[in-house]
Amino acid sequence: MAFERYPELKIAYDHTIRFRACYEKKNKIDAMVAFKEWIDDTYKLKLENFNTVANTVENHFDNILNFFDNYNTNANAESFNSKIKLFRANQRGVVDTKFFLFRLKNLFA
C-alpha cells in the first residue's frame, strides 16, 4: 500500500536491499562489481539521500572489501571498547594510567 502511494519509497527500499545483497557475495571480485554497480545506480537514480552512503563506500572501498577475505567484522573490538568505556565510567575517570591498565588487564585478560 505504501509503495503504491509513494513510488520513491519503493525505489529507495529496493536500492537498500541491493546494497545489503552486496554483502552476500561469496568472493571479493563479485562484491567489488556489485558495490560499483550499486554506486553507479545511486548516481543514475539521483537518490540524493544515498549519495552520502555511496561516497562513503567509495572512500573506504578497500577496507570494505577486506571483509570478504575472511568475513570478519570489528564487532569484537567494538564490544571490548564498550566494556573499557563502561569500566572507566564506573571508576569515574582515570587518574593513574598504569594502575588503570593493570586493573583492566586483570579483569579482561
PDB file of N, CA and C in Angstrom:
ATOM      1  N   MET A   1       0.821  -1.198   0.000  1.00  0.00           N
ATOM      2  CA  MET A   1       0.000   0.000   0.000  1.00  0.00           C
ATOM      3  C   MET A   1       0.869   1.268   0.000  1.00  0.00           C
ATOM      4  N   ALA A   2       1.865   1.289   0.891  1.00  0.00           N
ATOM      5  CA  ALA A   2       2.713   2.478   0.978  1.00  0.00           C
ATOM      6  C   ALA A   2       3.519   2.657  -0.300  1.00  0.00           C
ATOM      7  N   PHE A   3       3.972   1.545  -0.878  1.00  0.00           N
ATOM      8  CA  PHE A   3       4.751   1.634  -2.109  1.00  0.00           C
ATOM      9  C   PHE A   3       3.909   2.140  -3.271  1.00  0.00           C
ATOM     10  N   GLU A   4       2.633   1.811  -3.276  1.00  0.00           N
ATOM     11  CA  GLU A   4       1.741   2.299  -4.333  1.00  0.00           C
ATOM     12  C   GLU A   4       1.543   3.811  -4.220  1.00  0.00           C
ATOM     13  N   ARG A   5       1.432   4.279  -2.998  1.00  0.00           N
ATOM     14  CA  ARG A   5       1.202   5.709  -2.780  1.00  0.00           C
ATOM     15  C   ARG A   5       2.483   6.521  -2.920  1.00  0.00           C
ATOM     16  N   TYR A   6       3.601   5.900  -2.579  1.00  0.00           N
ATOM     17  CA  TYR A   6       4.886   6.596  -2.607  1.00  0.00           C
ATOM     18  C   TYR A   6       5.897   5.778  -3.420  1.00  0.00           C
ATOM     19  N   PRO A   7       5.888   5.903  -4.724  1.00  0.00           N
ATOM     20  CA  PRO A   7       6.794   5.099  -5.556  1.00  0.00           C
ATOM     21  C   PRO A   7       8.273   5.373  -5.277  1.00  0.00           C
ATOM     22  N   GLU A   8       8.610   6.586  -4.809  1.00  0.00           N
ATOM     23  CA  GLU A   8      10.005   6.883  -4.473  1.00  0.00           C
ATOM     24  C   GLU A   8      10.469   6.004  -3.318  1.00  0.00           C
ATOM     25  N   LEU A   9       9.551   5.704  -2.416  1.00  0.00           N
ATOM     26  CA  LEU A   9       9.868   4.854  -1.279  1.00  0.00           C
ATOM     27  C   LEU A   9      10.205   3.435  -1.750  1.00  0.00           C
ATOM     28  N   LYS A  10       9.482   2.946  -2.720  1.00  0.00           N
ATOM     29  CA  LYS A  10       9.745   1.623  -3.294  1.00  0.00           C
ATOM     30  C   LYS A  10      11.133   1.585  -3.949  1.00  0.00           C
ATOM     31  N   ILE A  11      11.477   2.635  -4.675  1.00  0.00           N
ATOM     32  CA  ILE A  11      12.796   2.710  -5.322  1.00  0.00           C
ATOM     33  C   ILE A  11      13.891   2.707  -4.262  1.00  0.00           C
ATOM     34  N   ALA A  12      13.710   3.503  -3.216  1.00  0.00           N
ATOM     35  CA  ALA A  12      14.712   3.571  -2.142  1.00  0.00           C
ATOM     36  C   ALA A  12      14.821   2.236  -1.409  1.00  0.00           C
ATOM     37  N   TYR A  13      13.691   1.603  -1.170  1.00  0.00           N
ATOM     38  CA  TYR A  13      13.697   0.309  -0.489  1.00  0.00           C
ATOM     39  C   TYR A  13      14.436  -0.734  -1.323  1.00  0.00           C
ATOM     40  N   ASP A  14      14.118  -0.817  -2.594  1.00  0.00           N
ATOM     41  CA  ASP A  14      14.778  -1.784  -3.478  1.00  0.00           C
ATOM     42  C   ASP A  14      16.284  -1.522  -3.558  1.00  0.00           C
ATOM     43  N   HIS A  15      16.639  -0.252  -3.573  1.00  0.00           N
ATOM     44  CA  HIS A  15      18.055   0.115  -3.644  1.00  0.00           C
ATOM     45  C   HIS A  15      18.777  -0.289  -2.358  1.00  0.00           C
ATOM     46  N   THR A  16      18.116  -0.161  -1.240  1.00  0.00           N
ATOM     47  CA  THR A  16      18.681  -0.588   0.038  1.00  0.00           C
ATOM     48  C   THR A  16      18.885  -2.099   0.061  1.00  0.00           C
ATOM     49  N   ILE A  17      17.915  -2.832  -0.439  1.00  0.00           N
ATOM     50  CA  ILE A  17      18.022  -4.291  -0.486  1.00  0.00           C
ATOM     51  C   ILE A  17      19.185  -4.707  -1.385  1.00  0.00           C
ATOM     52  N   ARG A  18      19.379  -3.993  -2.486  1.00  0.00           N
ATOM     53  CA  ARG A  18      20.506  -4.298  -3.379  1.00  0.00           C
ATOM     54  C   ARG A  18      21.840  -4.048  -2.676  1.00  0.00           C
ATOM     55  N   PHE A  19      21.899  -2.990  -1.853  1.00  0.00           N
ATOM     56  CA  PHE A  19      23.125  -2.712  -1.100  1.00  0.00           C
ATOM     57  C   PHE A  19      23.415  -3.850  -0.133  1.00  0.00           C
ATOM     58  N   ARG A  20      22.401  -4.300   0.569  1.00  0.00           N
ATOM     59  CA  ARG A  20      22.594  -5.389   1.522  1.00  0.00           C
ATOM     60  C   ARG A  20      23.015  -6.673   0.817  1.00  0.00           C
ATOM     61  N   ALA A  21      22.515  -6.871  -0.382  1.00  0.00           N
ATOM     62  CA  ALA A  21      22.855  -8.072  -1.148  1.00  0.00           C
ATOM     63  C   ALA A  21      24.335  -8.092  -1.539  1.00  0.00           C
ATOM     64  N   CYS A  22      24.948  -6.926  -1.607  1.00  0.00           N
ATOM     65  CA  CYS A  22      26.384  -6.873  -1.926  1.00  0.00           C
ATOM     66  C   CYS A  22      27.193  -7.647  -0.899  1.00  0.00           C
ATOM     67  N   TYR A  23      26.756  -7.644   0.350  1.00  0.00           N
ATOM     68  CA  TYR A  23      27.486  -8.333   1.408  1.00  0.00           C
ATOM     69  C   TYR A  23      27.247  -9.841   1.402  1.00  0.00           C
ATOM     70  N   GLU A  24      26.347 -10.311   0.570  1.00  0.00           N
ATOM     71  CA  GLU A  24      26.080 -11.745   0.480  1.00  0.00           C
ATOM     72  C   GLU A  24      26.917 -12.419  -0.608  1.00  0.00           C
ATOM     73  N   LYS A  25      27.735 -11.647  -1.289  1.00  0.00           N
ATOM     74  CA  LYS A  25      28.592 -12.217  -2.328  1.00  0.00           C
ATOM     75  C   LYS A  25      29.626 -13.131  -1.692  1.00  0.00           C
ATOM     76  N   LYS A  26      30.042 -14.135  -2.443  1.00  0.00           N
ATOM     77  CA  LYS A  26      30.934 -15.160  -1.903  1.00  0.00           C
ATOM     78  C   LYS A  26      32.420 -14.849  -2.076  1.00  0.00           C
ATOM     79  N   ASN A  27      32.753 -13.898  -2.937  1.00  0.00           N
ATOM     80  CA  ASN A  27      34.166 -13.561  -3.095  1.00  0.00           C
ATOM     81  C   ASN A  27      34.328 -12.068  -3.323  1.00  0.00           C
ATOM     82  N   LYS A  28      35.551 -11.633  -3.207  1.00  0.00           N
ATOM     83  CA  LYS A  28      35.882 -10.209  -3.253  1.00  0.00           C
ATOM     84  C   LYS A  28      35.589  -9.586  -4.620  1.00  0.00           C
ATOM     85  N   ILE A  29      35.840 -10.321  -5.689  1.00  0.00           N
ATOM     86  CA  ILE A  29      35.634  -9.787  -7.040  1.00  0.00           C
ATOM     87  C   ILE A  29      34.156  -9.524  -7.299  1.00  0.00           C
ATOM     88  N   ASP A  30      33.310 -10.505  -6.968  1.00  0.00           N
ATOM     89  CA  ASP A  30      31.872 -10.325  -7.156  1.00  0.00           C
ATOM     90  C   ASP A  30      31.351  -9.170  -6.305  1.00  0.00           C
ATOM     91  N   ALA A  31      31.864  -9.068  -5.087  1.00  0.00           N
ATOM     92  CA  ALA A  31      31.443  -7.973  -4.205  1.00  0.00           C
ATOM     93  C   ALA A  31      31.877  -6.625  -4.772  1.00  0.00           C
ATOM     94  N   MET A  32      33.090  -6.565  -5.293  1.00  0.00           N
ATOM     95  CA  MET A  32      33.586  -5.318  -5.868  1.00  0.00           C
ATOM     96  C   MET A  32      32.694  -4.876  -7.023  1.00  0.00           C
ATOM     97  N   VAL A  33      32.333  -5.807  -7.888  1.00  0.00           N
ATOM     98  CA  VAL A  33      31.459  -5.489  -9.028  1.00  0.00           C
ATOM     99  C   VAL A  33      30.095  -5.032  -8.522  1.00  0.00           C
ATOM    100  N   ALA A  34      29.547  -5.746  -7.540  1.00  0.00           N
ATOM    101  CA  ALA A  34      28.222  -5.393  -7.014  1.00  0.00           C
ATOM    102  C   ALA A  34      28.220  -4.008  -6.375  1.00  0.00           C
ATOM    103  N   PHE A  35      29.252  -3.699  -5.605  1.00  0.00           N
ATOM    104  CA  PHE A  35      29.322  -2.371  -4.979  1.00  0.00           C
ATOM    105  C   PHE A  35      29.461  -1.276  -6.032  1.00  0.00           C
ATOM    106  N   LYS A  36      30.296  -1.503  -7.033  1.00  0.00           N
ATOM    107  CA  LYS A  36      30.471  -0.482  -8.077  1.00  0.00           C
ATOM    108  C   LYS A  36      29.181  -0.254  -8.851  1.00  0.00           C
ATOM    109  N   GLU A  37      28.463  -1.332  -9.151  1.00  0.00           N
ATOM    110  CA  GLU A  37      27.169  -1.188  -9.836  1.00  0.00           C
ATOM    111  C   GLU A  37      26.183  -0.430  -8.957  1.00  0.00           C
ATOM    112  N   TRP A  38      26.190  -0.740  -7.659  1.00  0.00           N
ATOM    113  CA  TRP A  38      25.279  -0.066  -6.746  1.00  0.00           C
ATOM    114  C   TRP A  38      25.593   1.436  -6.681  1.00  0.00           C
ATOM    115  N   ILE A  39      26.869   1.767  -6.619  1.00  0.00           N
ATOM    116  CA  ILE A  39      27.279   3.179  -6.569  1.00  0.00           C
ATOM    117  C   ILE A  39      26.853   3.889  -7.853  1.00  0.00           C
ATOM    118  N   ASP A  40      27.104   3.259  -8.992  1.00  0.00           N
ATOM    119  CA  ASP A  40      26.708   3.858 -10.270  1.00  0.00           C
ATOM    120  C   ASP A  40      25.194   4.060 -10.342  1.00  0.00           C
ATOM    121  N   ASP A  41      24.446   3.057  -9.896  1.00  0.00           N
ATOM    122  CA  ASP A  41      22.986   3.174  -9.909  1.00  0.00           C
ATOM    123  C   ASP A  41      22.493   4.265  -8.964  1.00  0.00           C
ATOM    124  N   THR A  42      23.206   4.448  -7.858  1.00  0.00           N
ATOM    125  CA  THR A  42      22.826   5.509  -6.919  1.00  0.00           C
ATOM    126  C   THR A  42      22.868   6.865  -7.603  1.00  0.00           C
ATOM    127  N   TYR A  43      23.934   7.109  -8.359  1.00  0.00           N
ATOM    128  CA  TYR A  43      24.059   8.391  -9.049  1.00  0.00           C
ATOM    129  C   TYR A  43      23.087   8.494 -10.220  1.00  0.00           C
ATOM    130  N   LYS A  44      22.812   7.376 -10.903  1.00  0.00           N
ATOM    131  CA  LYS A  44      21.865   7.401 -12.023  1.00  0.00           C
ATOM    132  C   LYS A  44      20.438   7.638 -11.552  1.00  0.00           C
ATOM    133  N   LEU A  45      20.088   7.028 -10.420  1.00  0.00           N
ATOM    134  CA  LEU A  45      18.727   7.182  -9.886  1.00  0.00           C
ATOM    135  C   LEU A  45      18.513   8.545  -9.243  1.00  0.00           C
ATOM    136  N   LYS A  46      19.612   9.254  -9.022  1.00  0.00           N
ATOM    137  CA  LYS A  46      19.555  10.578  -8.376  1.00  0.00           C
ATOM    138  C   LYS A  46      18.872  10.503  -7.009  1.00  0.00           C
ATOM    139  N   LEU A  47      19.261   9.484  -6.265  1.00  0.00           N
ATOM    140  CA  LEU A  47      18.766   9.333  -4.901  1.00  0.00           C
ATOM    141  C   LEU A  47      19.693  10.110  -3.978  1.00  0.00           C
ATOM    142  N   GLU A  48      19.373  11.366  -3.772  1.00  0.00           N
ATOM    143  CA  GLU A  48      20.272  12.256  -3.030  1.00  0.00           C
ATOM    144  C   GLU A  48      20.553  11.753  -1.623  1.00  0.00           C
ATOM    145  N   ASN A  49      19.578  11.103  -1.004  1.00  0.00           N
ATOM    146  CA  ASN A  49      19.791  10.603   0.355  1.00  0.00           C
ATOM    147  C   ASN A  49      20.820   9.489   0.396  1.00  0.00           C
ATOM    148  N   PHE A  50      21.042   8.830  -0.727  1.00  0.00           N
ATOM    149  CA  PHE A  50      22.006   7.746  -0.784  1.00  0.00           C
ATOM    150  C   PHE A  50      23.386   8.226  -1.221  1.00  0.00           C
ATOM    151  N   ASN A  51      23.505   9.452  -1.655  1.00  0.00           N
ATOM    152  CA  ASN A  51      24.800   9.953  -2.135  1.00  0.00           C
ATOM    153  C   ASN A  51      25.875   9.896  -1.057  1.00  0.00           C
ATOM    154  N   THR A  52      25.506  10.193   0.178  1.00  0.00           N
ATOM    155  CA  THR A  52      26.464  10.146   1.272  1.00  0.00           C
ATOM    156  C   THR A  52      26.972   8.721   1.466  1.00  0.00           C
ATOM    157  N   VAL A  53      26.073   7.753   1.394  1.00  0.00           N
ATOM    158  CA  VAL A  53      26.470   6.356   1.540  1.00  0.00           C
ATOM    159  C   VAL A  53      27.377   5.948   0.387  1.00  0.00           C
ATOM    160  N   ALA A  54      27.002   6.322  -0.826  1.00  0.00           N
ATOM    161  CA  ALA A  54      27.812   5.980  -1.998  1.00  0.00           C
ATOM    162  C   ALA A  54      29.206   6.593  -1.885  1.00  0.00           C
ATOM    163  N   ASN A  55      29.279   7.836  -1.444  1.00  0.00           N
ATOM    164  CA  ASN A  55      30.586   8.489  -1.269  1.00  0.00           C
ATOM    165  C   ASN A  55      31.412   7.789  -0.195  1.00  0.00           C
ATOM    166  N   THR A  56      30.764   7.392   0.886  1.00  0.00           N
ATOM    167  CA  THR A  56      31.467   6.695   1.962  1.00  0.00           C
ATOM    168  C   THR A  56      31.994   5.351   1.474  1.00  0.00           C
ATOM    169  N   VAL A  57      31.175   4.623   0.729  1.00  0.00           N
ATOM    170  CA  VAL A  57      31.623   3.339   0.190  1.00  0.00           C
ATOM    171  C   VAL A  57      32.804   3.551  -0.745  1.00  0.00           C
ATOM    172  N   GLU A  58      32.744   4.568  -1.579  1.00  0.00           N
ATOM    173  CA  GLU A  58      33.859   4.855  -2.488  1.00  0.00           C
ATOM    174  C   GLU A  58      35.137   5.199  -1.719  1.00  0.00           C
ATOM    175  N   ASN A  59      34.996   6.018  -0.681  1.00  0.00           N
ATOM    176  CA  ASN A  59      36.167   6.456   0.082  1.00  0.00           C
ATOM    177  C   ASN A  59      36.808   5.325   0.888  1.00  0.00           C
ATOM    178  N   HIS A  60      36.022   4.339   1.280  1.00  0.00           N
ATOM    179  CA  HIS A  60      36.516   3.250   2.119  1.00  0.00           C
ATOM    180  C   HIS A  60      36.417   1.904   1.397  1.00  0.00           C
ATOM    181  N   PHE A  61      36.476   1.953   0.081  1.00  0.00           N
ATOM    182  CA  PHE A  61      36.233   0.774  -0.746  1.00  0.00           C
ATOM    183  C   PHE A  61      37.147  -0.393  -0.395  1.00  0.00           C
ATOM    184  N   ASP A  62      38.438  -0.144  -0.276  1.00  0.00           N
ATOM    185  CA  ASP A  62      39.387  -1.222   0.022  1.00  0.00           C
ATOM    186  C   ASP A  62      39.128  -1.836   1.392  1.00  0.00           C
ATOM    187  N   ASN A  63      38.835  -0.995   2.369  1.00  0.00           N
ATOM    188  CA  ASN A  63      38.555  -1.506   3.714  1.00  0.00           C
ATOM    189  C   ASN A  63      37.276  -2.331   3.740  1.00  0.00           C
ATOM    190  N   ILE A  64      36.272  -1.896   3.006  1.00  0.00           N
ATOM    191  CA  ILE A  64      35.013  -2.644   2.939  1.00  0.00           C
ATOM    192  C   ILE A  64      35.245  -3.992   2.278  1.00  0.00           C
ATOM    193  N   LEU A  65      36.034  -4.008   1.224  1.00  0.00           N
ATOM    194  CA  LEU A  65      36.308  -5.270   0.528  1.00  0.00           C
ATOM    195  C   LEU A  65      37.134  -6.236   1.364  1.00  0.00           C
ATOM    196  N   ASN A  66      37.867  -5.731   2.337  1.00  0.00           N
ATOM    197  CA  ASN A  66      38.639  -6.616   3.219  1.00  0.00           C
ATOM    198  C   ASN A  66      37.735  -7.567   3.993  1.00  0.00           C
ATOM    199  N   PHE A  67      36.483  -7.177   4.181  1.00  0.00           N
ATOM    200  CA  PHE A  67      35.509  -8.049   4.849  1.00  0.00           C
ATOM    201  C   PHE A  67      35.426  -9.398   4.142  1.00  0.00           C
ATOM    202  N   PHE A  68      35.577  -9.408   2.836  1.00  0.00           N
ATOM    203  CA  PHE A  68      35.393 -10.625   2.059  1.00  0.00           C
ATOM    204  C   PHE A  68      36.620 -11.542   2.090  1.00  0.00           C
ATOM    205  N   ASP A  69      37.694 -11.128   2.735  1.00  0.00           N
ATOM    206  CA  ASP A  69      38.853 -12.003   2.873  1.00  0.00           C
ATOM    207  C   ASP A  69      38.555 -13.155   3.830  1.00  0.00           C
ATOM    208  N   ASN A  70      37.946 -12.840   4.968  1.00  0.00           N
ATOM    209  CA  ASN A  70      37.622 -13.907   5.924  1.00  0.00           C
ATOM    210  C   ASN A  70      36.279 -13.681   6.623  1.00  0.00           C
ATOM    211  N   TYR A  71      35.480 -12.754   6.129  1.00  0.00           N
ATOM    212  CA  TYR A  71      34.120 -12.489   6.625  1.00  0.00           C
ATOM    213  C   TYR A  71      34.081 -12.150   8.108  1.00  0.00           C
ATOM    214  N   ASN A  72      35.058 -11.395   8.555  1.00  0.00           N
ATOM    215  CA  ASN A  72      35.078 -10.925   9.939  1.00  0.00           C
ATOM    216  C   ASN A  72      34.752  -9.444   9.980  1.00  0.00           C
ATOM    217  N   THR A  73      34.068  -9.074  11.022  1.00  0.00           N
ATOM    218  CA  THR A  73      33.789  -7.659  11.258  1.00  0.00           C
ATOM    219  C   THR A  73      34.598  -7.224  12.473  1.00  0.00           C
ATOM    220  N   ASN A  74      34.473  -5.972  12.830  1.00  0.00           N
ATOM    221  CA  ASN A  74      35.170  -5.478  14.012  1.00  0.00           C
ATOM    222  C   ASN A  74      34.240  -5.473  15.225  1.00  0.00           C
ATOM    223  N   ALA A  75      33.204  -6.301  15.217  1.00  0.00           N
ATOM    224  CA  ALA A  75      32.242  -6.327  16.313  1.00  0.00           C
ATOM    225  C   ALA A  75      32.901  -6.687  17.641  1.00  0.00           C
ATOM    226  N   ASN A  76      33.846  -7.615  17.627  1.00  0.00           N
ATOM    227  CA  ASN A  76      34.524  -7.991  18.872  1.00  0.00           C
ATOM    228  C   ASN A  76      35.316  -6.819  19.447  1.00  0.00           C
ATOM    229  N   ALA A  77      35.996  -6.109  18.586  1.00  0.00           N
ATOM    230  CA  ALA A  77      36.769  -4.952  19.052  1.00  0.00           C
ATOM    231  C   ALA A  77      35.841  -3.866  19.591  1.00  0.00           C
ATOM    232  N   GLU A  78      34.725  -3.649  18.921  1.00  0.00           N
ATOM    233  CA  GLU A  78      33.768  -2.632  19.389  1.00  0.00           C
ATOM    234  C   GLU A  78      33.168  -3.034  20.733  1.00  0.00           C
ATOM    235  N   SER A  79      32.885  -4.311  20.900  1.00  0.00           N
ATOM    236  CA  SER A  79      32.336  -4.792  22.171  1.00  0.00           C
ATOM    237  C   SER A  79      33.341  -4.602  23.303  1.00  0.00           C
ATOM    238  N   PHE A  80      34.590  -4.932  23.038  1.00  0.00           N
ATOM    239  CA  PHE A  80      35.632  -4.756  24.055  1.00  0.00           C
ATOM    240  C   PHE A  80      35.825  -3.277  24.385  1.00  0.00           C
ATOM    241  N   ASN A  81      35.797  -2.430  23.368  1.00  0.00           N
ATOM    242  CA  ASN A  81      35.923  -0.991  23.579  1.00  0.00           C
ATOM    243  C   ASN A  81      34.787  -0.477  24.465  1.00  0.00           C
ATOM    244  N   SER A  82      33.587  -0.994  24.244  1.00  0.00           N
ATOM    245  CA  SER A  82      32.442  -0.597  25.058  1.00  0.00           C
ATOM    246  C   SER A  82      32.642  -1.004  26.521  1.00  0.00           C
ATOM    247  N   LYS A  83      33.176  -2.201  26.734  1.00  0.00           N
ATOM    248  CA  LYS A  83      33.439  -2.659  28.102  1.00  0.00           C
ATOM    249  C   LYS A  83      34.472  -1.776  28.792  1.00  0.00           C
ATOM    250  N   ILE A  84      35.498  -1.380  28.061  1.00  0.00           N
ATOM    251  CA  ILE A  84      36.516  -0.499  28.631  1.00  0.00           C
ATOM    252  C   ILE A  84      35.914   0.841  29.010  1.00  0.00           C
ATOM    253  N   LYS A  85      35.076   1.388  28.136  1.00  0.00           N
ATOM    254  CA  LYS A  85      34.450   2.681  28.432  1.00  0.00           C
ATOM    255  C   LYS A  85      33.546   2.587  29.652  1.00  0.00           C
ATOM    256  N   LEU A  86      32.798   1.488  29.765  1.00  0.00           N
ATOM    257  CA  LEU A  86      31.933   1.306  30.922  1.00  0.00           C
ATOM    258  C   LEU A  86      32.756   1.170  32.198  1.00  0.00           C
ATOM    259  N   PHE A  87      33.827   0.419  32.134  1.00  0.00           N
ATOM    260  CA  PHE A  87      34.712   0.264  33.284  1.00  0.00           C
ATOM    261  C   PHE A  87      35.285   1.608  33.710  1.00  0.00           C
ATOM    262  N   ARG A  88      35.733   2.389  32.732  1.00  0.00           N
ATOM    263  CA  ARG A  88      36.302   3.708  33.032  1.00  0.00           C
ATOM    264  C   ARG A  88      35.243   4.628  33.646  1.00  0.00           C
ATOM    265  N   ALA A  89      34.019   4.559  33.128  1.00  0.00           N
ATOM    266  CA  ALA A  89      32.939   5.393  33.665  1.00  0.00           C
ATOM    267  C   ALA A  89      32.603   4.997  35.099  1.00  0.00           C
ATOM    268  N   ASN A  90      32.608   3.713  35.372  1.00  0.00           N
ATOM    269  CA  ASN A  90      32.311   3.248  36.738  1.00  0.00           C
ATOM    270  C   ASN A  90      33.387   3.677  37.723  1.00  0.00           C
ATOM    271  N   GLN A  91      34.604   3.854  37.252  1.00  0.00           N
ATOM    272  CA  GLN A  91      35.694   4.313  38.110  1.00  0.00           C
ATOM    273  C   GLN A  91      35.729   5.839  38.199  1.00  0.00           C
ATOM    274  N   ARG A  92      34.835   6.492  37.500  1.00  0.00           N
ATOM    275  CA  ARG A  92      34.732   7.957  37.458  1.00  0.00           C
ATOM    276  C   ARG A  92      36.022   8.591  36.971  1.00  0.00           C
ATOM    277  N   GLY A  93      36.546   8.036  35.892  1.00  0.00           N
ATOM    278  CA  GLY A  93      37.739   8.608  35.297  1.00  0.00           C
ATOM    279  C   GLY A  93      38.994   7.831  35.662  1.00  0.00           C
ATOM    280  N   VAL A  94      40.085   8.258  35.081  1.00  0.00           N
ATOM    281  CA  VAL A  94      41.371   7.600  35.310  1.00  0.00           C
ATOM    282  C   VAL A  94      42.371   8.643  35.785  1.00  0.00           C
ATOM    283  N   VAL A  95      42.962   8.390  36.951  1.00  0.00           N
ATOM    284  CA  VAL A  95      43.982   9.290  37.465  1.00  0.00           C
ATOM    285  C   VAL A  95      45.361   8.672  37.240  1.00  0.00           C
ATOM    286  N   ASP A  96      45.499   7.412  37.633  1.00  0.00           N
ATOM    287  CA  ASP A  96      46.762   6.693  37.492  1.00  0.00           C
ATOM    288  C   ASP A  96      46.623   5.717  36.317  1.00  0.00           C
ATOM    289  N   THR A  97      47.206   6.077  35.187  1.00  0.00           N
ATOM    290  CA  THR A  97      47.050   5.289  33.960  1.00  0.00           C
ATOM    291  C   THR A  97      47.634   3.887  34.114  1.00  0.00           C
ATOM    292  N   LYS A  98      48.800   3.765  34.737  1.00  0.00           N
ATOM    293  CA  LYS A  98      49.424   2.446  34.897  1.00  0.00           C
ATOM    294  C   LYS A  98      48.552   1.522  35.731  1.00  0.00           C
ATOM    295  N   PHE A  99      47.996   2.062  36.818  1.00  0.00           N
ATOM    296  CA  PHE A  99      47.137   1.238  37.676  1.00  0.00           C
ATOM    297  C   PHE A  99      45.847   0.875  36.947  1.00  0.00           C
ATOM    298  N   PHE A 100      45.313   1.808  36.167  1.00  0.00           N
ATOM    299  CA  PHE A 100      44.105   1.542  35.383  1.00  0.00           C
ATOM    300  C   PHE A 100      44.352   0.408  34.394  1.00  0.00           C
ATOM    301  N   LEU A 101      45.468   0.449  33.680  1.00  0.00           N
ATOM    302  CA  LEU A 101      45.796  -0.600  32.714  1.00  0.00           C
ATOM    303  C   LEU A 101      46.032  -1.931  33.413  1.00  0.00           C
ATOM    304  N   PHE A 102      46.640  -1.882  34.614  1.00  0.00           N
ATOM    305  CA  PHE A 102      46.849  -3.096  35.402  1.00  0.00           C
ATOM    306  C   PHE A 102      45.505  -3.732  35.760  1.00  0.00           C
ATOM    307  N   ARG A 103      44.583  -2.934  36.259  1.00  0.00           N
ATOM    308  CA  ARG A 103      43.260  -3.457  36.624  1.00  0.00           C
ATOM    309  C   ARG A 103      42.512  -3.940  35.398  1.00  0.00           C
ATOM    310  N   LEU A 104      42.619  -3.227  34.312  1.00  0.00           N
ATOM    311  CA  LEU A 104      41.957  -3.617  33.057  1.00  0.00           C
ATOM    312  C   LEU A 104      42.480  -4.967  32.584  1.00  0.00           C
ATOM    313  N   LYS A 105      43.797  -5.143  32.652  1.00  0.00           N
ATOM    314  CA  LYS A 105      44.417  -6.411  32.244  1.00  0.00           C
ATOM    315  C   LYS A 105      43.930  -7.554  33.128  1.00  0.00           C
ATOM    316  N   ASN A 106      43.858  -7.334  34.422  1.00  0.00           N
ATOM    317  CA  ASN A 106      43.441  -8.390  35.336  1.00  0.00           C
ATOM    318  C   ASN A 106      41.960  -8.739  35.166  1.00  0.00           C
ATOM    319  N   LEU A 107      41.151  -7.778  34.797  1.00  0.00           N
ATOM    320  CA  LEU A 107      39.719  -8.049  34.626  1.00  0.00           C
ATOM    321  C   LEU A 107      39.388  -8.711  33.293  1.00  0.00           C
ATOM    322  N   PHE A 108      40.032  -8.269  32.227  1.00  0.00           N
ATOM    323  CA  PHE A 108      39.613  -8.693  30.892  1.00  0.00           C
ATOM    324  C   PHE A 108      40.596  -9.621  30.176  1.00  0.00           C
ATOM    325  N   ALA A 109      41.783  -9.820  30.736  1.00  0.00           N
ATOM    326  CA  ALA A 109      42.744 -10.684  30.046  1.00  0.00           C
ATOM    327  C   ALA A 109      42.572 -12.138  30.417  1.00  0.00           C
TER     328      ALA A 109
END
